[in-house]
N, C-alpha and C. Protein backbone atom coordinates (compact mmCIF):
# COMPACT_ATOMS: atom_id res chain seq x y z
N MET A 1 103.53 127.98 53.07
CA MET A 1 104.34 126.96 53.71
C MET A 1 104.28 127.01 55.22
N LEU A 2 104.37 128.19 55.79
CA LEU A 2 104.29 128.38 57.22
C LEU A 2 102.94 127.90 57.76
N ARG A 3 101.85 128.20 57.01
CA ARG A 3 100.52 127.79 57.41
C ARG A 3 100.44 126.25 57.45
N THR A 4 101.03 125.55 56.52
CA THR A 4 101.04 124.14 56.46
C THR A 4 101.77 123.54 57.63
N VAL A 5 102.90 124.11 57.97
CA VAL A 5 103.69 123.64 59.15
C VAL A 5 102.89 123.85 60.40
N ILE A 6 102.26 124.98 60.54
CA ILE A 6 101.45 125.24 61.72
C ILE A 6 100.25 124.33 61.80
N ALA A 7 99.57 124.11 60.72
CA ALA A 7 98.42 123.16 60.72
C ALA A 7 98.86 121.78 61.06
N CYS A 8 100.01 121.31 60.55
CA CYS A 8 100.48 119.97 60.93
C CYS A 8 100.84 119.91 62.40
N ALA A 9 101.46 120.91 62.97
CA ALA A 9 101.83 120.95 64.36
C ALA A 9 100.55 120.92 65.28
N VAL A 10 99.50 121.61 64.85
CA VAL A 10 98.29 121.61 65.63
C VAL A 10 97.67 120.24 65.59
N MET A 11 97.65 119.61 64.40
CA MET A 11 96.99 118.32 64.29
C MET A 11 97.78 117.25 65.05
N ILE A 12 99.10 117.34 65.07
CA ILE A 12 99.90 116.37 65.82
C ILE A 12 99.71 116.52 67.32
N GLY A 13 99.59 117.76 67.82
CA GLY A 13 99.44 118.01 69.23
C GLY A 13 98.03 117.85 69.76
N ALA A 14 97.05 117.79 68.84
CA ALA A 14 95.64 117.68 69.29
C ALA A 14 95.33 116.47 70.13
N PRO A 15 95.77 115.25 69.78
CA PRO A 15 95.48 114.07 70.61
C PRO A 15 96.00 114.21 72.05
N ALA A 16 97.14 114.81 72.24
CA ALA A 16 97.68 114.99 73.56
C ALA A 16 96.78 115.88 74.42
N ALA A 17 96.14 116.85 73.78
CA ALA A 17 95.24 117.76 74.52
C ALA A 17 93.97 117.02 74.95
N LEU A 18 93.67 115.93 74.28
CA LEU A 18 92.43 115.21 74.65
C LEU A 18 92.70 113.92 75.45
N ALA A 19 93.86 113.81 76.01
CA ALA A 19 94.28 112.62 76.79
C ALA A 19 93.40 112.42 78.01
N ASP A 20 93.15 111.17 78.38
CA ASP A 20 92.36 110.82 79.57
C ASP A 20 93.19 111.03 80.80
N THR A 21 92.51 111.21 81.93
CA THR A 21 93.14 111.35 83.23
C THR A 21 92.90 110.06 84.00
N LEU A 22 93.92 109.48 84.54
CA LEU A 22 93.83 108.26 85.32
C LEU A 22 93.68 108.66 86.79
N LEU A 23 92.61 108.14 87.43
CA LEU A 23 92.38 108.47 88.84
C LEU A 23 92.67 107.21 89.68
N LEU A 24 93.44 107.33 90.68
CA LEU A 24 93.79 106.22 91.54
C LEU A 24 93.23 106.51 92.92
N ASP A 25 91.92 106.31 93.09
CA ASP A 25 91.22 106.62 94.34
C ASP A 25 91.73 105.79 95.52
N GLY A 26 92.04 104.56 95.28
CA GLY A 26 92.39 103.66 96.42
C GLY A 26 93.85 103.72 96.88
N ILE A 27 94.67 104.52 96.16
CA ILE A 27 96.09 104.51 96.48
C ILE A 27 96.39 105.03 97.88
N ASP A 28 95.71 106.03 98.30
CA ASP A 28 95.95 106.56 99.68
C ASP A 28 95.50 105.60 100.71
N ALA A 29 94.39 104.92 100.48
CA ALA A 29 93.92 103.91 101.45
C ALA A 29 94.90 102.74 101.57
N ALA A 30 95.47 102.32 100.48
CA ALA A 30 96.45 101.26 100.52
C ALA A 30 97.71 101.69 101.27
N ARG A 31 98.15 102.89 101.07
CA ARG A 31 99.31 103.39 101.81
C ARG A 31 99.08 103.44 103.28
N SER A 32 97.91 103.92 103.71
CA SER A 32 97.57 104.08 105.13
C SER A 32 97.43 102.70 105.80
N SER A 33 97.15 101.65 105.02
CA SER A 33 96.93 100.35 105.63
C SER A 33 98.19 99.47 105.55
N SER A 34 99.31 100.02 105.13
CA SER A 34 100.51 99.22 104.89
C SER A 34 101.05 98.63 106.22
N ASP A 35 100.74 99.28 107.34
CA ASP A 35 101.14 98.73 108.64
C ASP A 35 100.30 97.55 109.05
N LEU A 36 99.17 97.35 108.43
CA LEU A 36 98.23 96.31 108.77
C LEU A 36 98.41 95.03 107.96
N ARG A 37 99.44 94.99 107.13
CA ARG A 37 99.67 93.79 106.32
C ARG A 37 101.19 93.54 106.26
N PRO A 38 101.59 92.31 105.92
CA PRO A 38 102.99 91.94 105.88
C PRO A 38 103.81 92.68 104.83
N ALA A 39 105.05 92.98 105.16
CA ALA A 39 105.95 93.63 104.21
C ALA A 39 106.59 92.64 103.30
N ARG A 40 106.95 93.07 102.14
CA ARG A 40 107.63 92.24 101.17
C ARG A 40 108.94 91.69 101.74
N GLY A 41 109.18 90.39 101.48
CA GLY A 41 110.43 89.79 101.88
C GLY A 41 110.41 89.02 103.22
N ILE A 42 109.38 89.18 104.00
CA ILE A 42 109.40 88.45 105.26
C ILE A 42 108.93 87.03 105.08
N SER A 43 109.32 86.16 106.00
CA SER A 43 109.07 84.73 105.84
C SER A 43 107.62 84.34 106.21
N MET A 44 107.21 83.16 105.78
CA MET A 44 105.91 82.61 106.15
C MET A 44 105.81 82.45 107.69
N ASP A 45 106.85 82.01 108.29
CA ASP A 45 106.86 81.85 109.76
C ASP A 45 106.62 83.16 110.47
N ARG A 46 107.25 84.22 109.98
CA ARG A 46 107.09 85.54 110.61
C ARG A 46 105.67 86.08 110.36
N VAL A 47 105.11 85.84 109.19
CA VAL A 47 103.74 86.31 108.89
C VAL A 47 102.79 85.60 109.83
N GLU A 48 102.96 84.29 110.00
CA GLU A 48 102.05 83.55 110.91
C GLU A 48 102.21 83.95 112.35
N ALA A 49 103.43 84.26 112.78
CA ALA A 49 103.67 84.72 114.13
C ALA A 49 103.05 86.08 114.39
N GLN A 50 103.11 86.94 113.37
CA GLN A 50 102.62 88.30 113.54
C GLN A 50 101.12 88.41 113.35
N PHE A 51 100.53 87.67 112.41
CA PHE A 51 99.13 87.83 112.01
C PHE A 51 98.28 86.61 112.39
N GLY A 52 98.90 85.52 112.84
CA GLY A 52 98.16 84.30 113.18
C GLY A 52 97.93 83.44 111.93
N PRO A 53 97.29 82.31 112.12
CA PRO A 53 97.08 81.44 110.94
C PRO A 53 96.06 82.08 109.96
N PRO A 54 96.26 81.85 108.66
CA PRO A 54 95.33 82.41 107.72
C PRO A 54 93.99 81.70 107.76
N THR A 55 92.95 82.38 107.32
CA THR A 55 91.65 81.76 107.24
C THR A 55 91.59 80.77 106.12
N ILE A 56 92.28 81.00 105.02
CA ILE A 56 92.37 80.08 103.88
C ILE A 56 93.84 80.04 103.44
N ARG A 57 94.34 78.81 103.19
CA ARG A 57 95.69 78.59 102.72
C ARG A 57 95.58 77.89 101.42
N GLN A 58 95.88 78.56 100.31
CA GLN A 58 95.83 77.95 98.98
C GLN A 58 97.19 77.37 98.62
N ALA A 59 97.23 76.13 98.13
CA ALA A 59 98.45 75.47 97.80
C ALA A 59 99.23 76.19 96.74
N ALA A 60 100.53 76.00 96.75
CA ALA A 60 101.40 76.65 95.75
C ALA A 60 101.14 76.12 94.36
N VAL A 61 101.20 77.01 93.38
CA VAL A 61 101.00 76.61 91.96
C VAL A 61 102.10 77.30 91.17
N GLY A 62 102.44 76.69 90.05
CA GLY A 62 103.38 77.29 89.08
C GLY A 62 104.82 77.08 89.39
N ASP A 63 105.63 77.70 88.59
CA ASP A 63 107.11 77.63 88.76
C ASP A 63 107.65 79.01 88.43
N PRO A 64 108.12 79.76 89.42
CA PRO A 64 108.33 79.42 90.81
C PRO A 64 106.98 79.22 91.50
N PRO A 65 106.93 78.47 92.57
CA PRO A 65 105.66 78.22 93.27
C PRO A 65 105.14 79.48 93.98
N ILE A 66 103.90 79.83 93.67
CA ILE A 66 103.23 81.00 94.31
C ILE A 66 102.12 80.47 95.24
N GLU A 67 102.22 80.80 96.51
CA GLU A 67 101.19 80.34 97.46
C GLU A 67 100.41 81.57 97.93
N ARG A 68 99.16 81.35 98.26
CA ARG A 68 98.28 82.47 98.71
C ARG A 68 97.68 82.14 100.06
N TRP A 69 97.76 83.13 100.94
CA TRP A 69 97.12 83.04 102.26
C TRP A 69 96.08 84.14 102.36
N ASP A 70 94.88 83.79 102.74
CA ASP A 70 93.81 84.82 102.89
C ASP A 70 93.60 85.13 104.37
N TYR A 71 93.58 86.40 104.67
CA TYR A 71 93.30 86.93 106.03
C TYR A 71 92.09 87.85 105.90
N PRO A 72 91.41 88.14 106.99
CA PRO A 72 90.35 89.13 106.94
C PRO A 72 90.98 90.50 106.63
N GLY A 73 90.62 91.09 105.52
CA GLY A 73 91.11 92.41 105.13
C GLY A 73 92.32 92.44 104.18
N PHE A 74 93.05 91.32 104.00
CA PHE A 74 94.10 91.31 103.07
C PHE A 74 94.46 89.89 102.62
N VAL A 75 95.20 89.79 101.50
CA VAL A 75 95.66 88.52 100.97
C VAL A 75 97.18 88.63 100.86
N VAL A 76 97.90 87.57 101.17
CA VAL A 76 99.35 87.53 101.06
C VAL A 76 99.78 86.53 100.02
N TYR A 77 100.67 86.93 99.14
CA TYR A 77 101.21 86.00 98.10
C TYR A 77 102.69 85.76 98.47
N PHE A 78 103.08 84.49 98.41
CA PHE A 78 104.45 84.03 98.73
C PHE A 78 105.04 83.41 97.53
N GLU A 79 106.36 83.62 97.33
CA GLU A 79 107.14 82.90 96.36
C GLU A 79 108.10 82.10 97.22
N TYR A 80 108.06 80.81 97.10
CA TYR A 80 108.80 79.94 98.00
C TYR A 80 108.32 80.26 99.42
N GLN A 81 109.16 80.75 100.26
CA GLN A 81 108.78 81.02 101.67
C GLN A 81 108.67 82.46 102.02
N TYR A 82 108.71 83.36 101.03
CA TYR A 82 108.78 84.79 101.33
C TYR A 82 107.67 85.60 100.66
N VAL A 83 107.20 86.62 101.35
CA VAL A 83 106.14 87.51 100.86
C VAL A 83 106.64 88.23 99.63
N ILE A 84 105.82 88.16 98.58
CA ILE A 84 106.10 88.98 97.39
C ILE A 84 105.11 90.09 97.20
N HIS A 85 103.90 89.95 97.86
CA HIS A 85 102.89 91.01 97.72
C HIS A 85 101.81 90.75 98.77
N ALA A 86 101.28 91.82 99.32
CA ALA A 86 100.13 91.71 100.21
C ALA A 86 99.09 92.78 99.72
N VAL A 87 97.86 92.30 99.48
CA VAL A 87 96.82 93.12 98.87
C VAL A 87 95.66 93.31 99.80
N VAL A 88 95.22 94.57 99.95
CA VAL A 88 94.06 94.85 100.76
C VAL A 88 92.82 94.39 100.02
N THR A 89 91.90 93.73 100.76
CA THR A 89 90.66 93.29 100.19
C THR A 89 89.50 94.05 100.90
N PRO A 90 88.40 94.25 100.15
CA PRO A 90 87.28 95.00 100.74
C PRO A 90 86.57 94.19 101.82
């Protein structure tokens, strides 16, 4: 009986021992560049005042409306008039 319990425990724990490792190589680069892109929650007017006009301004789509502004090195996403995300581009 004890052997059966031990065998079951080994078989149940085996998949965990073979788990993959997730590597996030770009996470440090994104953190170090956070000063170079707009922070979440600031307005479109403030983004344009700080970074200038975008190279490409894509019209809002969806509900709520999401608008995208492209800058050299990053892209800014707005919901209504406020930044929801800024992404570094290569």
